[in-house]
Amino acid sequence: MYRRRGGVAALVIVLAAALLGACSSRSNGDKLAAPLRGGVVVPPDAATTTTVVSPDENAYVAAAAPRAAAPAPSPPTTAVDPLGAAMDGINACLIVVKGTQPVAAVNPDMPLAPASTLKLLTAAAALTRLGPDFRFVTRVVAPAPPRADGTVDALYLVGGGDPVLSTPDFAGWVAKKPGLAGSALTPLADLAASVVNAGVRAVPGGIHGDDSRYDRTRYLSSWSKSVKTENDIGPLGALSVNHGYTTWDPRVTSAPDPSDYASSALAHLLNARGVAAAQSNSWNAPGNGVVLAQISSPPLAQLVRDMLRSSDNYIAELITRELDRYGGGTGTTDGGTRVTAATLTSLALPTTGSVLLDGSGLSAGNRSTCRLELSALQLGARPEYSALREGLSVAGVNGTLAKRFVGTPAQGKLNAKTGWINGAAALVGNLQLNAPLQFAFIGNGPFGYPNAVARENNLVTGLIRLSG
């Protein structure tokens, strides 16, 4: 069982030692500098191991997870120690680096549920394995070319895992949402236009959806039931449109089957262009079929930026399945998390104690550390990983922080990946004030969203003081 060592008192001692110059100065480069223990810089453990737990091992994860401290009231921001208030009464880790020197480190290697900051790990693995220029491709396949009258017996809409394939009405809704504005989408209407340009005028056999590229598990067993009932994410599939949602304003409704919904959406768009076609049952495309049209997603770097900024669960999960399929697997989440784990290890990131159950952070059984989260973010200093840095939401400006810290010194200066699920809150990023800071914070305990916000407010207050 893991417990926060020394509580607030330890944090004060560490801060005092660092600010009085008791610690040695050393450059962290692309990796996080070592943590402080008793005012002395100590290198992290050399061994780095990541545990990837398949869904049927959740009982083990629950038993091994750090226990939360006894419930405590929401701590107010204090004039003396706002960083301590952010961590008080819960299991938490914190790392703060000013320039190249660590100025605070409390339990930096404690494995905790990271919530959506886990997306930084998924992003780092995807940019490494798939590359920033990778694109998902959706194809329309026919058994044979159109006949002279434009008839094809059937069409197969073959999913390539594109998580942002969208209809015009969904795209219009996204453009109006402050936290989603500027998100890149793949227009299904353009694919419909390409089918018409290929000479198709009638499809008597209908349009079949083919989502065989990935496993067809729609929701993971490691997720709480509320993930589905509250529509935190749509049903997963290699062929999906509009994130798997059939309605999104004012009420969100998930499609019973994402593949059927996608083929129905294409049929509707073709009908509007004068093509006689209807949605038919899902079926795998013939191996010797003819590709009549295809469309590519935005490049992976853009998808990663959007995923981080708006904390898009759907993008994260389909990227994870693609990591498995691209590496020769069958497109499962479990396989994808194993690829992520292996990739993080190959990058020499400090993965000891980490547990990966998904790519989005929705599972309460995930485990990461403050050291690992910040080390992943620091990869963004390299050109090939720039999406990690560029994808952070900006306080008072965009993404998940669009409406937060408005009117404070952090507005426009705080760039961070946020994270929240029941009992877990996290914030990883940088603060660009007088002295630039990089930081990672994860807290786990029996608290709700208002308390999580209060703790993050305390954290940012403390960071502002440290940057002075």
Protein backbone atom coordinates (compact mmCIF):
# COMPACT_ATOMS: atom_id res chain seq x y z
CA MET A 1 0.00 0.00 0.00
CA TYR A 2 1.28 3.43 -0.89
CA ARG A 3 0.98 6.44 1.38
CA ARG A 4 2.04 10.03 0.94
CA ARG A 5 5.26 10.42 2.90
CA GLY A 6 5.38 13.20 5.41
CA GLY A 7 2.24 14.96 4.14
CA VAL A 8 2.27 18.75 3.94
CA ALA A 9 5.26 19.01 6.27
CA ALA A 10 7.40 17.06 3.81
CA LEU A 11 6.37 19.39 1.00
CA VAL A 12 7.32 22.45 3.05
CA ILE A 13 10.72 20.93 3.88
CA VAL A 14 11.38 20.07 0.24
CA LEU A 15 10.37 23.51 -0.95
CA ALA A 16 12.45 25.25 1.69
CA ALA A 17 15.52 23.18 0.88
CA ALA A 18 15.16 23.82 -2.84
CA LEU A 19 14.53 27.54 -2.51
CA LEU A 20 17.49 27.98 -0.15
CA GLY A 21 19.77 26.32 -2.65
CA ALA A 22 20.23 23.08 -0.72
CA CYS A 23 19.76 21.03 -3.88
CA SER A 24 22.30 20.70 -6.67
CA SER A 25 21.59 22.25 -10.06
CA ARG A 26 21.42 19.86 -12.97
CA SER A 27 19.94 19.98 -16.44
CA ASN A 28 16.98 17.76 -17.10
CA GLY A 29 17.21 17.98 -20.89
CA ASP A 30 14.40 15.92 -22.42
CA LYS A 31 13.96 13.93 -19.21
CA LEU A 32 12.75 15.03 -15.81
CA ALA A 33 15.46 15.81 -13.30
CA ALA A 34 15.65 13.46 -10.32
CA PRO A 35 13.31 13.94 -7.36
CA LEU A 36 14.28 15.56 -4.08
CA ARG A 37 14.47 13.49 -0.92
CA GLY A 38 15.51 15.35 2.19
CA GLY A 39 17.01 18.16 0.09
CA VAL A 40 19.37 15.88 -1.85
CA VAL A 41 19.05 15.07 -5.54
CA VAL A 42 18.62 11.31 -5.85
CA PRO A 43 18.41 9.54 -9.24
CA PRO A 44 15.25 7.53 -9.88
CA ASP A 45 15.36 3.76 -9.74
CA ALA A 46 17.06 2.36 -12.80
CA ALA A 47 14.46 -0.32 -13.42
CA THR A 48 11.41 0.66 -15.45
CA THR A 49 8.54 -1.77 -15.73
CA THR A 50 5.00 -1.30 -16.93
CA THR A 51 2.18 -3.63 -16.01
CA VAL A 52 -0.52 -4.00 -18.63
CA VAL A 53 -3.58 -5.64 -17.15
CA SER A 54 -6.25 -7.18 -19.34
CA PRO A 55 -9.90 -6.46 -18.44
CA ASP A 56 -10.41 -9.78 -16.72
CA GLU A 57 -7.68 -8.91 -14.21
CA ASN A 58 -9.50 -5.91 -12.76
CA ALA A 59 -10.03 -7.62 -9.40
CA TYR A 60 -6.27 -7.73 -8.98
CA VAL A 61 -5.92 -4.07 -9.89
CA ALA A 62 -8.55 -3.07 -7.37
CA ALA A 63 -6.85 -5.03 -4.65
CA ALA A 64 -3.42 -3.62 -5.45
CA ALA A 65 -4.53 -0.01 -5.90
CA PRO A 66 -3.38 2.62 -3.37
CA ARG A 67 -5.96 3.15 -0.67
CA ALA A 68 -7.34 6.64 -0.27
CA ALA A 69 -6.96 8.40 3.04
CA ALA A 70 -9.99 9.00 5.24
CA PRO A 71 -12.44 11.53 3.76
CA ALA A 72 -11.46 15.11 4.44
CA PRO A 73 -13.34 18.36 3.84
CA SER A 74 -12.49 20.34 0.75
CA PRO A 75 -9.36 22.29 1.74
CA PRO A 76 -9.47 26.07 1.29
CA THR A 77 -6.67 27.89 -0.45
CA THR A 78 -4.28 28.98 2.28
CA ALA A 79 -1.91 31.91 2.29
CA VAL A 80 0.84 29.72 3.74
CA ASP A 81 0.87 26.55 1.66
CA PRO A 82 -1.58 26.25 -1.26
CA LEU A 83 0.42 23.34 -2.74
CA GLY A 84 0.03 21.47 0.54
CA ALA A 85 -3.70 22.24 0.54
CA ALA A 86 -4.00 20.69 -2.91
CA MET A 87 -2.58 17.41 -1.55
CA ASP A 88 -3.96 17.38 1.98
CA GLY A 89 -5.88 14.30 3.11
CA ILE A 90 -5.51 12.27 -0.10
CA ASN A 91 -3.00 10.09 -1.88
CA ALA A 92 -1.17 12.45 -4.20
CA CYS A 93 2.05 13.08 -6.09
CA LEU A 94 3.61 16.32 -7.26
CA ILE A 95 6.64 17.42 -9.23
CA VAL A 96 7.51 21.04 -10.07
CA VAL A 97 10.52 22.01 -12.16
CA LYS A 98 11.69 25.62 -12.54
CA GLY A 99 13.90 25.97 -15.59
CA THR A 100 16.06 22.87 -15.30
CA GLN A 101 15.92 22.53 -11.52
CA PRO A 102 13.32 20.64 -9.47
CA VAL A 103 11.85 22.82 -6.74
CA ALA A 104 9.24 20.41 -5.38
CA ALA A 105 8.85 16.65 -5.40
CA VAL A 106 6.41 14.75 -3.21
CA ASN A 107 5.83 11.05 -3.89
CA PRO A 108 6.89 11.46 -7.54
CA ASP A 109 6.90 7.68 -8.09
CA MET A 110 3.60 6.84 -6.36
CA PRO A 111 1.32 4.97 -8.82
CA LEU A 112 -2.07 6.67 -8.93
CA ALA A 113 -5.11 6.73 -11.21
CA PRO A 114 -4.15 9.49 -13.68
CA ALA A 115 -7.58 10.02 -15.29
CA SER A 116 -7.27 11.71 -18.69
CA THR A 117 -3.64 12.73 -18.28
CA LEU A 118 -2.99 9.12 -19.34
CA LYS A 119 -3.71 10.42 -22.86
CA LEU A 120 -0.20 11.89 -22.80
CA LEU A 121 1.16 8.34 -22.69
CA THR A 122 -1.12 7.19 -25.51
CA ALA A 123 -0.08 10.20 -27.57
CA ALA A 124 3.64 9.61 -27.00
CA ALA A 125 3.32 5.98 -28.09
CA ALA A 126 1.26 6.85 -31.17
CA LEU A 127 3.64 9.55 -32.34
CA THR A 128 6.50 7.09 -31.92
CA ARG A 129 4.95 4.02 -33.56
CA LEU A 130 2.63 5.53 -36.16
CA GLY A 131 4.41 8.83 -36.74
CA PRO A 132 2.97 12.36 -36.81
CA ASP A 133 2.02 12.07 -40.51
CA PHE A 134 0.02 8.84 -40.17
CA ARG A 135 -3.58 9.01 -41.45
CA PHE A 136 -6.57 6.70 -41.03
CA VAL A 137 -8.17 5.75 -44.36
CA THR A 138 -11.86 4.96 -44.98
CA ARG A 139 -12.69 3.21 -48.26
CA VAL A 140 -15.76 2.46 -50.34
CA VAL A 141 -15.43 -0.91 -52.08
CA ALA A 142 -17.64 -2.54 -54.74
CA PRO A 143 -17.61 -6.13 -56.05
CA ALA A 144 -16.98 -4.70 -59.54
CA PRO A 145 -16.81 -1.31 -61.27
CA PRO A 146 -20.15 0.46 -61.99
CA ARG A 147 -22.01 -0.76 -65.04
CA ALA A 148 -22.82 1.57 -67.92
CA ASP A 149 -25.97 2.80 -66.18
CA GLY A 150 -24.09 3.53 -62.96
CA THR A 151 -25.38 0.49 -61.07
CA VAL A 152 -23.23 -1.47 -58.63
CA ASP A 153 -24.67 -4.51 -56.91
CA ALA A 154 -23.55 -3.37 -53.46
CA LEU A 155 -21.13 -1.05 -51.71
CA TYR A 156 -19.00 -1.75 -48.67
CA LEU A 157 -17.97 1.12 -46.39
CA VAL A 158 -14.70 -0.17 -44.96
CA GLY A 159 -13.60 1.42 -41.71
CA GLY A 160 -9.97 2.22 -41.19
CA GLY A 161 -10.33 3.37 -37.60
CA ASP A 162 -10.86 7.07 -38.35
CA PRO A 163 -12.12 8.54 -35.04
CA VAL A 164 -13.27 11.85 -36.54
CA LEU A 165 -15.32 10.77 -39.58
CA SER A 166 -18.27 13.17 -39.43
CA THR A 167 -21.48 14.25 -41.11
CA PRO A 168 -22.08 17.94 -41.93
CA ASP A 169 -24.51 18.49 -39.05
CA PHE A 170 -22.10 17.07 -36.50
CA ALA A 171 -19.28 19.19 -37.92
CA GLY A 172 -21.46 22.28 -37.57
CA TRP A 173 -22.15 21.47 -33.93
CA VAL A 174 -18.46 20.94 -33.18
CA ALA A 175 -17.57 24.31 -34.72
CA LYS A 176 -19.89 26.09 -32.28
CA LYS A 177 -18.54 24.47 -29.10
CA PRO A 178 -15.91 26.64 -27.36
CA GLY A 179 -13.95 23.63 -26.14
CA LEU A 180 -14.01 21.94 -29.56
CA ALA A 181 -13.64 24.86 -31.95
CA GLY A 182 -10.91 24.25 -34.50
CA SER A 183 -10.99 20.47 -34.14
CA ALA A 184 -10.09 18.69 -37.36
CA LEU A 185 -12.69 16.33 -38.82
CA THR A 186 -12.96 13.98 -41.80
CA PRO A 187 -16.03 14.94 -43.88
CA LEU A 188 -18.11 11.90 -44.81
CA ALA A 189 -19.84 14.15 -47.35
CA ASP A 190 -16.60 14.37 -49.32
CA LEU A 191 -16.44 10.59 -49.48
CA ALA A 192 -20.05 10.51 -50.76
CA ALA A 193 -19.13 13.03 -53.45
CA SER A 194 -16.21 10.83 -54.52
CA VAL A 195 -18.55 7.84 -54.88
CA VAL A 196 -20.77 9.89 -57.20
CA ASN A 197 -17.71 11.03 -59.15
CA ALA A 198 -16.81 7.36 -59.62
CA GLY A 199 -20.01 6.97 -61.63
CA VAL A 200 -22.27 5.28 -59.08
CA ARG A 201 -25.97 6.01 -59.57
CA ALA A 202 -27.75 3.04 -57.96
CA VAL A 203 -26.91 0.43 -55.33
CA PRO A 204 -29.72 -2.15 -55.30
CA GLY A 205 -27.91 -4.37 -52.78
CA GLY A 206 -27.42 -1.52 -50.33
CA ILE A 207 -24.43 -0.27 -48.38
CA HIS A 208 -22.73 -2.66 -45.96
CA GLY A 209 -20.58 -1.46 -43.09
CA ASP A 210 -17.29 -3.28 -42.59
CA ASP A 211 -15.63 -2.66 -39.22
CA SER A 212 -13.46 -5.78 -39.24
CA ARG A 213 -10.18 -3.88 -38.79
CA TYR A 214 -10.59 -3.78 -34.99
CA ASP A 215 -12.10 -5.86 -32.25
CA ARG A 216 -15.84 -5.18 -31.98
CA THR A 217 -15.96 -4.72 -28.19
CA ARG A 218 -17.88 -1.47 -27.88
CA TYR A 219 -17.28 -0.68 -24.20
CA LEU A 220 -14.49 -1.99 -21.97
CA SER A 221 -15.25 -4.07 -18.90
CA SER A 222 -12.72 -2.00 -16.94
CA TRP A 223 -14.95 1.07 -17.29
CA SER A 224 -17.66 1.91 -14.80
CA LYS A 225 -21.25 1.51 -15.97
CA SER A 226 -21.66 5.29 -15.88
CA VAL A 227 -19.21 5.65 -18.78
CA LYS A 228 -21.89 4.20 -21.07
CA THR A 229 -25.00 5.54 -19.37
CA GLU A 230 -23.59 9.07 -19.17
CA ASN A 231 -22.21 8.89 -22.73
CA ASP A 232 -18.65 9.70 -21.74
CA ILE A 233 -17.70 7.89 -24.95
CA GLY A 234 -19.58 6.42 -27.89
CA PRO A 235 -19.45 2.73 -28.89
CA LEU A 236 -16.02 1.82 -30.24
CA GLY A 237 -15.48 0.46 -33.72
CA ALA A 238 -13.15 0.64 -36.71
CA LEU A 239 -16.07 2.13 -38.67
CA SER A 240 -17.88 4.92 -36.90
CA VAL A 241 -19.19 8.38 -37.62
CA ASN A 242 -19.85 11.32 -35.30
CA HIS A 243 -17.97 9.62 -32.45
CA GLY A 244 -20.66 6.94 -32.47
CA TYR A 245 -23.43 9.38 -31.50
CA THR A 246 -26.72 9.62 -33.37
CA THR A 247 -27.78 12.79 -31.51
CA TRP A 248 -25.66 15.29 -29.62
CA ASP A 249 -27.70 18.42 -28.98
CA PRO A 250 -29.41 18.87 -26.61
CA ARG A 251 -29.27 15.19 -25.70
CA VAL A 252 -26.48 12.74 -26.49
CA THR A 253 -27.57 9.36 -27.84
CA SER A 254 -25.22 6.52 -28.74
CA ALA A 255 -25.70 4.40 -31.85
CA PRO A 256 -26.76 0.79 -31.18
CA ASP A 257 -24.11 -0.28 -33.69
CA PRO A 258 -21.53 2.22 -35.00
CA SER A 259 -20.95 0.34 -38.26
CA ASP A 260 -24.64 0.26 -39.19
CA TYR A 261 -24.98 3.93 -38.28
CA ALA A 262 -22.03 4.87 -40.49
CA SER A 263 -23.35 2.99 -43.54
CA SER A 264 -26.77 4.56 -42.98
CA ALA A 265 -25.19 8.03 -42.86
CA LEU A 266 -23.40 7.39 -46.16
CA ALA A 267 -26.62 6.17 -47.77
CA HIS A 268 -28.36 9.36 -46.66
CA LEU A 269 -25.62 11.53 -48.17
CA LEU A 270 -25.72 9.55 -51.43
CA ASN A 271 -29.51 9.88 -51.61
CA ALA A 272 -29.11 13.64 -51.34
CA ARG A 273 -26.85 13.45 -54.40
CA GLY A 274 -29.31 11.44 -56.49
CA VAL A 275 -27.96 7.96 -55.83
CA ALA A 276 -30.51 5.24 -55.04
CA ALA A 277 -29.01 3.44 -52.06
CA ALA A 278 -30.02 2.20 -48.62
CA GLN A 279 -28.21 0.93 -45.57
CA SER A 280 -27.85 -2.84 -45.45
CA ASN A 281 -26.51 -5.30 -42.89
CA SER A 282 -22.87 -5.17 -41.83
CA TRP A 283 -20.65 -7.45 -43.88
CA ASN A 284 -16.96 -7.72 -44.65
CA ALA A 285 -15.92 -6.39 -48.02
CA PRO A 286 -14.83 -8.95 -50.66
CA GLY A 287 -11.10 -9.39 -50.79
CA ASN A 288 -11.04 -8.92 -54.56
CA GLY A 289 -13.31 -5.87 -54.55
CA VAL A 290 -12.68 -2.59 -56.35
CA VAL A 291 -11.94 0.56 -54.34
CA LEU A 292 -14.22 3.23 -55.82
CA ALA A 293 -13.44 6.01 -53.36
CA GLN A 294 -11.48 6.70 -50.21
CA ILE A 295 -10.81 9.51 -47.78
CA SER A 296 -7.99 10.10 -45.30
CA SER A 297 -8.21 11.57 -41.83
CA PRO A 298 -6.22 14.61 -40.74
CA PRO A 299 -2.62 13.70 -39.84
CA LEU A 300 -2.05 12.00 -36.51
CA ALA A 301 -0.25 15.04 -35.09
CA GLN A 302 -3.44 17.08 -35.51
CA LEU A 303 -5.58 14.34 -34.00
CA VAL A 304 -3.24 14.16 -31.01
CA ARG A 305 -3.45 17.92 -30.51
CA ASP A 306 -7.25 17.78 -30.60
CA MET A 307 -7.35 14.71 -28.35
CA LEU A 308 -5.28 16.40 -25.66
CA ARG A 309 -6.88 19.83 -25.86
CA SER A 310 -10.48 18.63 -25.58
CA SER A 311 -9.62 15.37 -23.76
CA ASP A 312 -11.28 13.35 -26.51
CA ASN A 313 -11.83 9.82 -25.25
CA TYR A 314 -12.91 8.45 -28.63
CA ILE A 315 -9.73 9.50 -30.43
CA ALA A 316 -7.62 8.04 -27.64
CA GLU A 317 -9.31 4.66 -27.73
CA LEU A 318 -9.24 4.20 -31.51
CA ILE A 319 -5.59 5.26 -31.62
CA THR A 320 -4.91 2.57 -29.02
CA ARG A 321 -6.57 -0.12 -31.14
CA GLU A 322 -4.68 1.08 -34.20
CA LEU A 323 -1.41 0.71 -32.31
CA ASP A 324 -2.22 -2.97 -31.94
CA ARG A 325 -3.39 -3.48 -35.53
CA TYR A 326 -0.53 -1.48 -37.01
CA GLY A 327 1.90 -3.62 -35.03
CA GLY A 328 0.42 -6.85 -36.40
CA GLY A 329 -2.31 -7.50 -33.83
CA THR A 330 -6.05 -7.84 -34.28
CA GLY A 331 -6.95 -4.34 -33.15
CA THR A 332 -7.75 -4.85 -29.48
CA THR A 333 -7.48 -2.38 -26.64
CA ASP A 334 -5.43 -4.85 -24.62
CA GLY A 335 -2.98 -5.26 -27.48
CA GLY A 336 -2.77 -1.52 -27.97
CA THR A 337 -1.96 -0.84 -24.32
CA ARG A 338 0.79 -3.43 -24.52
CA VAL A 339 2.27 -1.57 -27.48
CA THR A 340 2.01 1.68 -25.53
CA ALA A 341 3.79 0.12 -22.55
CA ALA A 342 6.58 -1.29 -24.70
CA THR A 343 6.98 2.03 -26.49
CA LEU A 344 7.27 4.02 -23.28
CA THR A 345 9.93 1.60 -22.08
CA SER A 346 11.82 1.94 -25.36
CA LEU A 347 11.81 5.71 -24.87
CA ALA A 348 13.47 5.19 -21.47
CA LEU A 349 10.56 6.80 -19.65
CA PRO A 350 10.18 5.94 -15.93
CA THR A 351 7.34 3.43 -16.18
CA THR A 352 7.81 1.60 -12.87
CA GLY A 353 4.43 0.96 -11.25
CA SER A 354 2.32 2.01 -14.22
CA VAL A 355 -0.76 0.01 -15.23
CA LEU A 356 -2.53 0.53 -18.55
CA LEU A 357 -6.10 -0.67 -19.06
CA ASP A 358 -7.16 1.71 -21.82
CA GLY A 359 -5.93 4.63 -23.89
CA SER A 360 -8.16 7.38 -22.53
CA GLY A 361 -7.82 7.18 -18.76
CA LEU A 362 -11.50 6.38 -18.19
CA SER A 363 -10.66 3.25 -16.21
CA ALA A 364 -10.13 3.77 -12.48
CA GLY A 365 -7.68 0.86 -12.60
CA ASN A 366 -5.09 2.73 -14.65
CA ARG A 367 -1.92 3.72 -12.81
CA SER A 368 0.74 6.27 -13.63
CA THR A 369 3.12 8.51 -11.70
CA CYS A 370 3.88 12.19 -11.70
CA ARG A 371 7.39 11.44 -12.92
CA LEU A 372 6.09 9.43 -15.88
CA GLU A 373 3.44 11.99 -16.84
CA LEU A 374 5.87 14.90 -16.85
CA SER A 375 8.56 12.89 -18.62
CA ALA A 376 6.05 12.08 -21.39
CA LEU A 377 5.11 15.74 -21.73
CA GLN A 378 8.76 16.76 -21.90
CA LEU A 379 9.12 14.72 -25.09
CA GLY A 380 7.26 17.64 -26.67
CA ALA A 381 10.54 19.54 -26.82
CA ARG A 382 11.51 17.30 -29.74
CA PRO A 383 10.08 18.25 -33.17
CA GLU A 384 8.53 14.84 -33.82
CA TYR A 385 6.63 15.08 -30.53
CA SER A 386 5.63 18.75 -30.74
CA ALA A 387 1.92 17.79 -30.72
CA LEU A 388 2.31 16.86 -27.04
CA ARG A 389 3.17 20.46 -26.22
CA GLU A 390 0.89 22.11 -28.76
CA GLY A 391 -2.11 20.05 -27.68
CA LEU A 392 -2.24 21.36 -24.12
CA SER A 393 -5.34 23.41 -23.35
CA VAL A 394 -4.74 27.05 -22.42
CA ALA A 395 -6.37 28.57 -19.37
CA GLY A 396 -9.15 30.98 -20.29
CA VAL A 397 -8.59 30.36 -24.00
CA ASN A 398 -9.39 26.87 -25.32
CA GLY A 399 -10.02 23.21 -24.65
CA THR A 400 -10.89 21.88 -21.22
CA LEU A 401 -9.45 25.02 -19.60
CA ALA A 402 -11.38 27.47 -21.81
CA LYS A 403 -13.55 28.70 -18.94
CA ARG A 404 -11.10 28.28 -16.07
CA PHE A 405 -8.68 30.69 -14.41
CA VAL A 406 -10.19 33.61 -16.29
CA GLY A 407 -9.04 36.93 -14.83
CA THR A 408 -6.13 35.35 -12.94
CA PRO A 409 -2.40 35.56 -13.68
CA ALA A 410 -2.73 32.01 -15.10
CA GLN A 411 -5.01 33.08 -17.96
CA GLY A 412 -3.20 32.55 -21.23
CA LYS A 413 -0.11 31.41 -19.32
CA LEU A 414 -1.17 28.03 -17.97
CA ASN A 415 -0.97 25.21 -20.53
CA ALA A 416 -2.05 21.83 -19.23
CA LYS A 417 -3.61 18.44 -19.78
CA THR A 418 -6.47 18.04 -17.39
CA GLY A 419 -7.83 14.82 -15.93
CA TRP A 420 -10.93 13.92 -13.95
CA ILE A 421 -12.86 10.77 -13.14
CA ASN A 422 -14.67 9.95 -9.90
CA GLY A 423 -12.07 10.03 -7.14
CA ALA A 424 -9.16 11.15 -9.31
CA ALA A 425 -7.96 14.54 -10.49
CA ALA A 426 -4.77 15.42 -12.34
CA LEU A 427 -3.09 18.36 -14.03
CA VAL A 428 0.12 18.16 -16.08
CA GLY A 429 1.65 21.05 -17.99
CA ASN A 430 3.57 24.29 -17.74
CA LEU A 431 3.11 27.81 -16.42
CA GLN A 432 4.77 30.56 -18.44
CA LEU A 433 5.11 33.45 -15.99
CA ASN A 434 8.24 35.08 -14.56
CA ALA A 435 10.14 31.82 -14.28
CA PRO A 436 8.68 29.06 -16.46
CA LEU A 437 7.52 26.01 -14.53
CA GLN A 438 6.78 22.46 -15.60
CA PHE A 439 4.64 20.38 -13.29
CA ALA A 440 2.66 17.20 -12.77
CA PHE A 441 0.02 16.62 -10.12
CA ILE A 442 -2.21 13.57 -9.50
CA GLY A 443 -4.57 13.21 -6.57
CA ASN A 444 -6.72 10.21 -5.64
CA GLY A 445 -9.31 10.16 -2.87
CA PRO A 446 -12.99 10.12 -1.94
CA PHE A 447 -13.80 13.49 -3.43
CA GLY A 448 -16.16 14.80 -6.09
CA TYR A 449 -15.68 17.26 -8.91
CA PRO A 450 -16.10 20.48 -6.85
CA ASN A 451 -13.38 19.34 -4.46
CA ALA A 452 -11.15 18.40 -7.40
CA VAL A 453 -11.54 21.91 -8.82
CA ALA A 454 -10.71 23.42 -5.43
CA ARG A 455 -7.53 21.33 -5.21
CA GLU A 456 -6.48 22.33 -8.72
CA ASN A 457 -7.13 25.97 -7.87
CA ASN A 458 -4.83 25.61 -4.86
CA LEU A 459 -2.24 23.92 -7.03
CA VAL A 460 -2.23 26.74 -9.59
CA THR A 461 -2.10 29.37 -6.81
CA GLY A 462 1.00 27.66 -5.44
CA LEU A 463 2.56 27.44 -8.89
CA ILE A 464 2.00 31.15 -9.48
CA ARG A 465 3.87 31.90 -6.24
CA LEU A 466 6.72 29.58 -7.16
CA SER A 467 7.13 31.26 -10.53
CA GLY A 468 7.75 34.66 -8.92
